[in-house]
């Protein structure tokens, strides 16, 4: 079985004391999102207050006096000042649309999927600082973005629900141990947040998406994790990296369906899908996949599928990395043009759906080959290239013999931001835990014992 989860809406006037409200701001290769989400701490049910999506390509060009320090994977030039302006406006607009101010937000989490840069330690740090400064410039306080030092730093209305005096934030998010080595991948934070976000989304489903699990984020780039069932903290076994939704962008540009630097996100797909001819779809998909590598990332590469990999740090870590990349872009596009009727948009989009369903099957096949999976694992998927159109159905068809349950969640990264904020503020729910193992109890006592609280 599989379930697709959408976050229900709520108005600000319906928010009560037991609600914890977080603004997630994301700077991606394709989109900038400001998503305001709140969760009922008592029930673990989440609600979306507002979601505003702008396009990264619309960030203004750097001025002559500004330093260009990085690029998106589509070679969009970025300066710190331009990022700050765009992020500040996006946040303010998203708040204004629902008559809220920065003072109505309990916590703000910033994340980035912009990974086509040359140095994690320098440029990635500048992007995060630009996001932070953008928040500060519009009146968001530092205390709204950092873990509290005492119970008195937690928002007053939610303080009585916090377990801060029992257990404090130690870097683990939803019961997963923080990585032993950082600075290996430029999308590490994405993988952590997505895993946490799908866990929170599962609370609105019938699926128990707790450890052990697989998370896959199919945004423009690929992120995700394989997590085991160790206690009290689960361990990260594998990271996913590389190009995901960006492949379809390349295909559609190559076919002339969208202009250069445009994306599948620009297509308003209201066309009724044609009848599925799965045999034909699969045959074309397999031809296309000859030009896509899905494999363990070699130890000597500096990037894989446009995501930076820092091999000098990787050698010190035992976490596996599985990546995706195009091995021959010209042949990939020519094959798509040859076998797909590019004048029939419905057929094009359906073929892309099957392409990505097979893509995820290959990720799972590679993970299995590397002995990373167990029979108890549940699969969770988020991101535009994994949840839209016919993808959930086709993914389930490819994997129904491998997984009993698959969950599809919208905006896993934003939900993960909410979960990170909750973990920082020790806002767990022992009677309905999100962390821990399937069918298991809350792990707070085990964490207390481990950390000697």
Protein backbone atom coordinates (compact mmCIF):
# COMPACT_ATOMS: atom_id res chain seq x y z
CA UNK A 1 0.00 0.00 0.00
CA UNK A 2 1.00 3.61 -0.35
CA UNK A 3 -0.34 6.89 0.98
CA UNK A 4 0.13 10.43 -0.27
CA UNK A 5 0.00 13.00 2.49
CA UNK A 6 -0.95 16.64 2.05
CA UNK A 7 -0.77 19.03 4.99
CA UNK A 8 -4.21 20.44 5.87
CA UNK A 9 -4.63 24.20 6.10
CA UNK A 10 -5.37 26.29 9.16
CA UNK A 11 -6.00 30.00 9.72
CA UNK A 12 -3.88 31.96 12.23
CA UNK A 13 -7.02 32.66 14.28
CA UNK A 14 -7.43 28.93 14.94
CA UNK A 15 -3.99 28.52 16.53
CA UNK A 16 -4.09 27.72 20.26
CA UNK A 17 -1.50 27.68 23.04
CA UNK A 18 -0.41 24.10 22.32
CA UNK A 19 0.56 25.01 18.74
CA UNK A 20 4.19 25.60 17.79
CA UNK A 21 4.56 27.75 14.67
CA UNK A 22 7.63 27.64 12.47
CA UNK A 23 8.60 29.50 9.33
CA UNK A 24 10.77 27.46 6.97
CA UNK A 25 12.67 29.47 4.38
CA UNK A 26 14.42 27.50 1.65
CA UNK A 27 16.74 28.72 -1.08
CA UNK A 28 16.87 26.07 -3.80
CA UNK A 29 18.30 25.79 -7.28
CA UNK A 30 14.82 26.25 -8.75
CA UNK A 31 12.60 27.80 -6.08
CA UNK A 32 12.61 29.99 -3.00
CA UNK A 33 9.97 28.92 -0.50
CA UNK A 34 8.61 30.51 2.62
CA UNK A 35 6.32 27.99 4.30
CA UNK A 36 4.58 28.72 7.59
CA UNK A 37 3.63 25.54 9.41
CA UNK A 38 2.22 24.91 12.86
CA UNK A 39 1.90 21.69 14.82
CA UNK A 40 -0.30 20.68 17.70
CA UNK A 41 2.23 19.41 20.24
CA UNK A 42 -0.41 17.26 21.94
CA UNK A 43 -1.50 15.38 18.82
CA UNK A 44 1.52 15.77 16.49
CA UNK A 45 -0.84 16.89 13.74
CA UNK A 46 0.60 19.59 11.49
CA UNK A 47 -1.12 22.33 9.53
CA UNK A 48 -0.01 24.72 6.82
CA UNK A 49 -0.77 28.37 7.39
CA UNK A 50 0.73 29.65 4.15
CA UNK A 51 3.13 28.69 1.39
CA UNK A 52 4.75 31.16 -0.97
CA UNK A 53 6.95 29.97 -3.82
CA UNK A 54 9.16 32.26 -5.88
CA UNK A 55 11.66 31.33 -8.56
CA UNK A 56 15.38 31.43 -7.88
CA UNK A 57 16.07 32.62 -11.41
CA UNK A 58 14.24 35.85 -10.54
CA UNK A 59 16.81 36.85 -7.91
CA UNK A 60 18.31 40.07 -9.23
CA UNK A 61 21.78 39.91 -10.83
CA UNK A 62 24.70 40.92 -8.58
CA UNK A 63 25.64 44.57 -8.84
CA UNK A 64 29.12 45.58 -9.99
CA UNK A 65 30.16 46.31 -6.41
CA UNK A 66 29.00 42.89 -5.17
CA UNK A 67 30.99 39.68 -5.10
CA UNK A 68 29.68 36.70 -7.04
CA UNK A 69 30.45 33.85 -4.68
CA UNK A 70 28.44 30.98 -6.12
CA UNK A 71 25.98 29.68 -8.67
CA UNK A 72 22.93 27.48 -8.80
CA UNK A 73 23.27 24.31 -10.85
CA UNK A 74 21.74 26.31 -13.71
CA UNK A 75 24.58 28.86 -13.50
CA UNK A 76 22.52 31.58 -11.88
CA UNK A 77 24.98 34.05 -10.34
CA UNK A 78 24.49 34.75 -6.64
CA UNK A 79 25.69 37.53 -4.39
CA UNK A 80 25.05 37.74 -0.65
CA UNK A 81 23.21 41.04 -1.02
CA UNK A 82 20.91 39.76 -3.77
CA UNK A 83 20.03 36.66 -1.74
CA UNK A 84 19.25 38.78 1.32
CA UNK A 85 16.88 41.04 -0.60
CA UNK A 86 15.01 38.16 -2.21
CA UNK A 87 14.71 36.11 0.98
CA UNK A 88 13.56 39.09 3.08
CA UNK A 89 10.85 39.98 0.55
CA UNK A 90 9.66 36.38 0.23
CA UNK A 91 9.29 36.01 4.01
CA UNK A 92 7.51 39.34 4.46
CA UNK A 93 5.13 38.64 1.57
CA UNK A 94 4.27 35.20 2.97
CA UNK A 95 3.49 36.70 6.38
CA UNK A 96 1.49 39.60 4.97
CA UNK A 97 -0.71 37.27 2.93
CA UNK A 98 -2.08 35.76 6.15
CA UNK A 99 -1.95 38.94 8.27
CA UNK A 100 0.93 37.71 10.41
CA UNK A 101 4.15 39.39 11.53
CA UNK A 102 7.55 38.06 12.53
CA UNK A 103 6.40 38.24 16.16
CA UNK A 104 3.76 35.58 15.48
CA UNK A 105 6.45 33.04 14.58
CA UNK A 106 7.95 30.82 17.29
CA UNK A 107 10.96 29.69 15.30
CA UNK A 108 12.61 30.15 11.90
CA UNK A 109 14.69 27.48 10.17
CA UNK A 110 16.82 28.29 7.13
CA UNK A 111 17.95 25.70 4.61
CA UNK A 112 19.47 25.67 1.15
CA UNK A 113 19.55 23.26 -1.75
CA UNK A 114 21.97 25.42 -3.73
CA UNK A 115 24.89 23.03 -3.98
CA UNK A 116 26.71 23.89 -7.22
CA UNK A 117 29.49 25.76 -5.48
CA UNK A 118 33.19 25.23 -5.20
CA UNK A 119 33.82 25.13 -1.46
CA UNK A 120 31.58 23.94 1.34
CA UNK A 121 33.46 25.81 4.05
CA UNK A 122 33.38 29.19 2.31
CA UNK A 123 30.48 29.61 -0.12
CA UNK A 124 27.98 27.42 1.73
CA UNK A 125 28.73 29.38 4.88
CA UNK A 126 28.03 32.61 3.01
CA UNK A 127 24.68 31.32 1.76
CA UNK A 128 23.61 30.34 5.29
CA UNK A 129 24.78 33.73 6.59
CA UNK A 130 22.85 35.50 3.83
CA UNK A 131 19.70 33.62 4.86
CA UNK A 132 20.32 34.49 8.50
CA UNK A 133 20.97 38.18 7.76
CA UNK A 134 17.85 38.32 5.60
CA UNK A 135 15.84 37.17 8.61
CA UNK A 136 17.53 39.59 10.99
CA UNK A 137 16.96 42.48 8.57
CA UNK A 138 13.19 42.10 8.82
CA UNK A 139 13.00 41.84 12.60
CA UNK A 140 13.38 38.13 13.28
CA UNK A 141 15.32 37.79 16.53
CA UNK A 142 18.40 35.60 16.98
CA UNK A 143 16.48 33.72 19.70
CA UNK A 144 13.93 32.70 17.04
CA UNK A 145 16.67 30.89 15.11
CA UNK A 146 18.86 29.27 17.76
CA UNK A 147 18.49 26.50 20.32
CA UNK A 148 17.52 27.85 23.77
CA UNK A 149 20.07 28.00 26.59
CA UNK A 150 17.39 27.71 29.27
CA UNK A 151 13.70 26.94 29.61
CA UNK A 152 13.07 30.70 29.79
CA UNK A 153 14.31 31.12 26.21
CA UNK A 154 11.49 28.91 24.90
CA UNK A 155 8.34 30.81 23.80
CA UNK A 156 6.20 31.26 26.89
CA UNK A 157 2.98 29.81 25.50
CA UNK A 158 4.70 26.52 24.63
CA UNK A 159 7.05 26.32 27.62
CA UNK A 160 4.84 23.99 29.66
CA UNK A 161 4.98 21.43 26.83
CA UNK A 162 8.78 21.39 26.67
CA UNK A 163 10.92 18.67 28.21
CA UNK A 164 13.94 20.96 28.28
CA UNK A 165 14.63 20.24 31.95
CA UNK A 166 14.56 16.49 31.21
CA UNK A 167 16.60 16.36 28.03
CA UNK A 168 18.19 19.10 25.97
CA UNK A 169 19.05 19.32 22.31
CA UNK A 170 22.22 17.32 21.63
CA UNK A 171 22.29 17.46 17.83
CA UNK A 172 20.05 14.48 17.23
CA UNK A 173 16.94 15.10 15.14
CA UNK A 174 13.96 12.82 15.77
CA UNK A 175 16.14 10.22 17.45
CA UNK A 176 18.80 9.99 14.73
CA UNK A 177 22.37 10.49 15.89
CA UNK A 178 24.15 13.51 14.44
CA UNK A 179 26.73 12.54 11.80
CA UNK A 180 30.16 11.63 13.18
CA UNK A 181 31.83 13.46 10.29
CA UNK A 182 30.46 16.59 8.60
CA UNK A 183 31.57 18.49 5.55
CA UNK A 184 31.41 15.48 3.21
CA UNK A 185 28.39 16.55 1.18
CA UNK A 186 26.96 19.98 0.50
CA UNK A 187 23.41 18.64 0.95
CA UNK A 188 23.84 16.96 4.35
CA UNK A 189 21.34 19.23 6.08
CA UNK A 190 18.71 18.55 3.41
CA UNK A 191 18.89 14.82 4.04
CA UNK A 192 18.50 15.26 7.79
CA UNK A 193 15.52 17.60 7.47
CA UNK A 194 13.75 15.50 4.85
CA UNK A 195 14.00 12.38 7.01
CA UNK A 196 12.54 14.26 9.98
CA UNK A 197 9.85 15.87 7.83
CA UNK A 198 8.51 12.63 6.40
CA UNK A 199 8.39 11.23 9.93
CA UNK A 200 6.19 14.15 10.98
CA UNK A 201 4.01 13.83 7.87
CA UNK A 202 3.41 10.17 8.67
CA UNK A 203 1.49 11.22 11.77
CA UNK A 204 -1.32 12.21 9.41
CA UNK A 205 -1.32 8.74 7.83
CA UNK A 206 -1.89 5.14 8.87
CA UNK A 207 1.78 4.31 8.24
CA UNK A 208 4.24 4.02 11.13
CA UNK A 209 7.23 5.70 9.50
CA UNK A 210 9.74 5.24 12.27
CA UNK A 211 13.12 3.54 12.24
CA UNK A 212 14.39 1.76 10.24
CA UNK A 213 13.57 3.91 7.22
CA UNK A 214 14.64 5.20 3.82
CA UNK A 215 14.00 8.84 2.88
CA UNK A 216 14.30 10.17 -0.66
CA UNK A 217 13.95 13.84 -1.61
CA UNK A 218 13.42 14.26 -5.35
CA UNK A 219 13.87 18.00 -5.71
CA UNK A 220 16.03 19.52 -8.41
CA UNK A 221 18.85 17.63 -6.74
CA UNK A 222 18.66 14.32 -4.89
CA UNK A 223 18.90 14.08 -1.12
CA UNK A 224 17.92 11.49 1.46
CA UNK A 225 19.13 8.92 3.93
CA UNK A 226 19.03 5.29 4.99
CA UNK A 227 18.59 5.01 8.76
CA UNK A 228 18.97 1.86 10.86
CA UNK A 229 17.16 0.84 14.05
CA UNK A 230 19.87 1.35 16.67
CA UNK A 231 18.81 2.62 20.10
CA UNK A 232 18.46 5.08 21.59
CA UNK A 233 19.90 6.89 18.59
CA UNK A 234 19.56 5.45 15.12
CA UNK A 235 22.57 5.63 12.81
CA UNK A 236 22.93 7.06 9.33
CA UNK A 237 23.99 4.29 6.94
CA UNK A 238 23.85 6.10 3.60
CA UNK A 239 23.31 9.49 1.97
CA UNK A 240 21.75 10.03 -1.46
CA UNK A 241 23.17 12.79 -3.66
CA UNK A 242 23.13 13.94 -7.27
CA UNK A 243 20.73 15.18 -9.90
CA UNK A 244 17.01 14.36 -9.62
CA UNK A 245 14.27 16.72 -10.85
CA UNK A 246 16.93 18.59 -12.79
CA UNK A 247 17.09 15.69 -15.27
CA UNK A 248 13.54 16.36 -16.46
CA UNK A 249 14.37 20.05 -16.78
CA UNK A 250 17.25 19.12 -19.09
CA UNK A 251 15.02 16.78 -21.11
CA UNK A 252 12.27 19.35 -21.60
CA UNK A 253 14.74 22.05 -22.60
CA UNK A 254 16.38 19.67 -25.02
CA UNK A 255 12.99 18.93 -26.59
CA UNK A 256 12.14 22.61 -26.89
CA UNK A 257 9.11 22.26 -24.60
CA UNK A 258 10.47 24.86 -22.17
CA UNK A 259 12.99 27.65 -22.66
CA UNK A 260 16.55 27.51 -21.38
CA UNK A 261 16.74 28.06 -17.60
CA UNK A 262 13.06 27.14 -17.24
CA UNK A 263 11.87 24.09 -15.34
CA UNK A 264 9.09 21.54 -15.17
CA UNK A 265 7.76 23.71 -12.35
CA UNK A 266 6.75 26.23 -15.04
CA UNK A 267 4.35 23.75 -16.66
CA UNK A 268 0.73 23.95 -15.58
CA UNK A 269 -0.16 20.30 -15.99
CA UNK A 270 -3.94 20.23 -16.18
CA UNK A 271 -3.96 17.79 -19.08
CA UNK A 272 -5.69 14.48 -18.45
CA UNK A 273 -3.13 11.68 -18.45
CA UNK A 274 -3.38 9.25 -21.36
CA UNK A 275 -4.18 5.61 -20.70
CA UNK A 276 -1.20 3.85 -19.24
CA UNK A 277 0.66 1.56 -21.60
CA UNK A 278 3.13 0.44 -18.98
CA UNK A 279 5.06 -1.89 -21.25
CA UNK A 280 5.81 0.90 -23.73
CA UNK A 281 6.60 3.33 -20.93
CA UNK A 282 9.03 0.90 -19.33
CA UNK A 283 10.77 0.11 -22.61
CA UNK A 284 11.46 3.78 -23.31
CA UNK A 285 12.44 4.41 -19.70
CA UNK A 286 15.07 1.68 -19.80
CA UNK A 287 16.52 3.19 -22.99
CA UNK A 288 16.76 6.58 -21.27
CA UNK A 289 18.37 5.16 -18.16
CA UNK A 290 21.35 3.91 -20.13
CA UNK A 291 22.56 7.50 -19.97
CA UNK A 292 22.01 7.94 -16.21
CA UNK A 293 24.40 6.51 -13.62
CA UNK A 294 23.00 5.48 -10.24
CA UNK A 295 25.83 4.02 -8.24
CA UNK A 296 28.04 4.24 -5.18
CA UNK A 297 29.93 7.51 -5.41
CA UNK A 298 33.65 6.87 -6.05
CA UNK A 299 35.98 8.01 -3.28
CA UNK A 300 38.12 10.20 -5.54
CA UNK A 301 35.48 12.50 -7.07
CA UNK A 302 34.93 16.16 -6.17
CA UNK A 303 31.30 16.22 -7.25
CA UNK A 304 28.65 13.80 -8.42
CA UNK A 305 25.56 14.86 -10.33
CA UNK A 306 26.37 18.52 -9.66
CA UNK A 307 26.54 17.98 -5.89
CA UNK A 308 29.90 18.57 -4.24
CA UNK A 309 31.52 15.63 -2.48
CA UNK A 310 34.53 16.26 -0.29
CA UNK A 311 36.56 13.10 -0.68
CA UNK A 312 39.22 14.04 1.85
CA UNK A 313 36.52 13.98 4.53
CA UNK A 314 34.75 10.96 3.06
CA UNK A 315 37.79 8.75 3.68
CA UNK A 316 37.36 9.36 7.40
CA UNK A 317 33.73 8.23 7.46
CA UNK A 318 32.01 4.88 6.96
CA UNK A 319 28.67 6.27 5.73
CA UNK A 320 27.97 5.14 2.19
CA UNK A 321 27.04 7.58 -0.57
CA UNK A 322 24.84 6.65 -3.53
CA UNK A 323 24.58 9.19 -6.31
CA UNK A 324 22.85 9.97 -9.58
CA UNK A 325 24.32 11.71 -12.63
CA UNK A 326 23.85 11.98 -16.38
CA UNK A 327 26.68 10.24 -18.21
CA UNK A 328 25.80 11.52 -21.71
CA UNK A 329 23.42 14.45 -21.88
CA UNK A 330 23.31 14.62 -25.69
CA UNK A 331 22.37 10.95 -26.07
CA UNK A 332 19.82 11.21 -23.27
CA UNK A 333 18.02 14.11 -24.95
CA UNK A 334 18.26 12.56 -28.44
CA UNK A 335 16.81 9.28 -27.17
CA UNK A 336 13.91 11.11 -25.57
CA UNK A 337 13.24 13.00 -28.80
CA UNK A 338 13.39 9.77 -30.79
CA UNK A 339 10.95 7.66 -28.76
CA UNK A 340 8.57 10.18 -27.18
CA UNK A 341 6.04 12.33 -29.05
CA UNK A 342 7.27 15.71 -27.83
CA UNK A 343 4.23 17.41 -29.39
CA UNK A 344 1.99 15.55 -26.94
CA UNK A 345 2.60 17.12 -23.54
CA UNK A 346 0.51 14.54 -21.69
CA UNK A 347 2.61 11.73 -23.15
CA UNK A 348 5.83 13.60 -22.33
CA UNK A 349 4.87 14.10 -18.69
CA UNK A 350 3.72 10.51 -18.30
CA UNK A 351 7.03 9.26 -19.68
CA UNK A 352 8.87 11.49 -17.23
CA UNK A 353 6.76 10.05 -14.40
CA UNK A 354 7.82 6.54 -15.36
CA UNK A 355 11.43 7.65 -15.78
CA UNK A 356 11.47 8.80 -12.16
CA UNK A 357 9.64 5.75 -10.85
CA UNK A 358 12.36 3.60 -12.41
CA UNK A 359 14.97 6.03 -11.05
CA UNK A 360 13.78 5.34 -7.50
CA UNK A 361 13.70 1.60 -8.21
CA UNK A 362 17.36 1.85 -9.23
CA UNK A 363 18.20 3.72 -6.03
CA UNK A 364 16.61 0.91 -4.03
CA UNK A 365 18.34 -1.76 -6.15
CA UNK A 366 21.73 -0.13 -5.57
CA UNK A 367 21.05 0.20 -1.85
CA UNK A 368 20.09 -3.47 -1.71
CA UNK A 369 23.21 -4.50 -3.60
CA UNK A 370 25.29 -2.67 -1.00
CA UNK A 371 23.53 -4.56 1.84
CA UNK A 372 22.11 -1.36 3.33
CA UNK A 373 18.45 -2.37 3.54
CA UNK A 374 16.47 -4.58 5.88
CA UNK A 375 13.05 -6.13 5.43
CA UNK A 376 11.55 -3.89 8.12
CA UNK A 377 12.37 -0.63 6.35
CA UNK A 378 9.66 1.75 5.19
CA UNK A 379 10.20 4.05 2.21
CA UNK A 380 9.33 7.75 2.32
CA UNK A 381 9.46 10.06 -0.70
CA UNK A 382 9.10 13.82 -1.11
CA UNK A 383 9.97 16.42 -3.78
CA UNK A 384 8.47 17.35 -7.15
CA UNK A 385 10.17 14.54 -9.07
CA UNK A 386 8.86 11.90 -6.68
CA UNK A 387 5.32 12.87 -5.72
CA UNK A 388 3.61 14.60 -8.65
CA UNK A 389 1.51 13.22 -11.51
CA UNK A 390 1.42 9.43 -11.85
CA UNK A 391 4.72 8.94 -10.02
CA UNK A 392 3.28 7.49 -6.78
CA UNK A 393 1.30 4.86 -8.69
CA UNK A 394 4.23 3.92 -10.91
CA UNK A 395 6.70 3.85 -8.03
CA UNK A 396 4.38 1.55 -6.12
CA UNK A 397 4.09 -0.74 -9.15
CA UNK A 398 7.88 -1.01 -9.40
CA UNK A 399 8.38 -1.59 -5.66
CA UNK A 400 5.22 -3.29 -4.34
CA UNK A 401 7.07 -6.58 -3.94
CA UNK A 402 9.84 -4.85 -2.01
CA UNK A 403 7.91 -2.60 0.41
CA UNK A 404 4.64 -3.20 2.20
CA UNK A 405 4.24 0.53 2.81
CA UNK A 406 5.39 3.66 0.98
CA UNK A 407 4.60 7.19 2.09
CA UNK A 408 4.60 10.25 -0.20
CA UNK A 409 4.77 13.62 1.54
CA UNK A 410 4.60 17.16 0.21
CA UNK A 411 7.18 19.69 1.42
CA UNK A 412 9.21 17.24 3.47
CA UNK A 413 11.97 19.81 3.88
CA UNK A 414 9.63 22.35 5.47
CA UNK A 415 8.17 19.75 7.79
CA UNK A 416 11.71 18.77 8.68
CA UNK A 417 12.43 22.38 9.58
CA UNK A 418 9.48 22.24 11.95
CA UNK A 419 10.80 19.03 13.50
CA UNK A 420 14.30 20.46 13.90
CA UNK A 421 12.82 23.45 15.72
CA UNK A 422 10.83 21.14 17.97
CA UNK A 423 13.92 19.08 18.78
CA UNK A 424 15.90 22.23 19.57
CA UNK A 425 13.16 23.27 21.98
CA UNK A 426 12.70 19.75 23.45
CA UNK A 427 9.09 19.60 22.27
CA UNK A 428 8.59 15.87 22.08
CA UNK A 429 5.36 13.92 22.50
CA UNK A 430 6.05 10.80 24.61
CA UNK A 431 2.49 9.49 24.28
CA UNK A 432 2.62 9.67 20.47
CA UNK A 433 6.33 9.63 19.60
CA UNK A 434 7.78 10.53 16.22
CA UNK A 435 11.25 9.20 17.01
CA UNK A 436 12.22 5.69 18.01
CA UNK A 437 11.33 2.41 16.34
CA UNK A 438 8.23 1.08 14.64
CA UNK A 439 5.61 0.06 17.19
CA UNK A 440 8.05 1.13 19.91
CA UNK A 441 7.70 3.40 22.90
CA UNK A 442 9.20 6.84 23.44
CA UNK A 443 12.99 6.75 23.71
CA UNK A 444 13.32 9.64 26.17
CA UNK A 445 14.30 7.45 29.13
CA UNK A 446 16.97 5.70 27.04
CA UNK A 447 18.29 9.08 25.90
CA UNK A 448 18.37 10.33 29.48
CA UNK A 449 20.36 7.29 30.54
CA UNK A 450 22.80 7.64 27.64
CA UNK A 451 23.36 11.33 28.28
CA UNK A 452 23.39 10.98 32.11
CA UNK A 453 20.69 13.54 32.72
